[in-house]
């Protein structure tokens, strides 16, 4: 990726960072353990990558990134639990070479990145807006009471 987009910075952010990641010492790698302003962080970075290979449950950070209109590259496991459409509102890549290629594509192709951002934002607001979530929950409870 560095050869294709030498000016790109790889930013690893999050609490509870594994020690092995804290000591990466490259000029194009930045470690941030405590993001003080999530909204500002999302706004100042172009592409969000989520290379998860294991885990379960809903990926809240992906939904947050989508809500902020970020272009996201993730694995199938990373996007598990989200009703996404690959290549429309997220890019799915399960192999390292595919992951790098998808990320490079988004960094080099503004049109594709912007379309993905817009579609991601629309999906997040359509599926995860607080009012929509509450409506679904109320509908679930109503169905329980009628059965």
Foldseek 3Di string as FASTA:
>chain_A
DCVLPVVAAAEAEEAPDPPVVVPDDDPRYHYYDDDPDPLVVLVVDAEAEAADDDDDDAQVVLLVSLLSLHAYEYACRNHPPAPDDDLQQYHHDNDPVRSVVVVSCLVVPVVSGNRNSVRSNVSSCVCPPPVNVVVVVVVVVVVVVVD
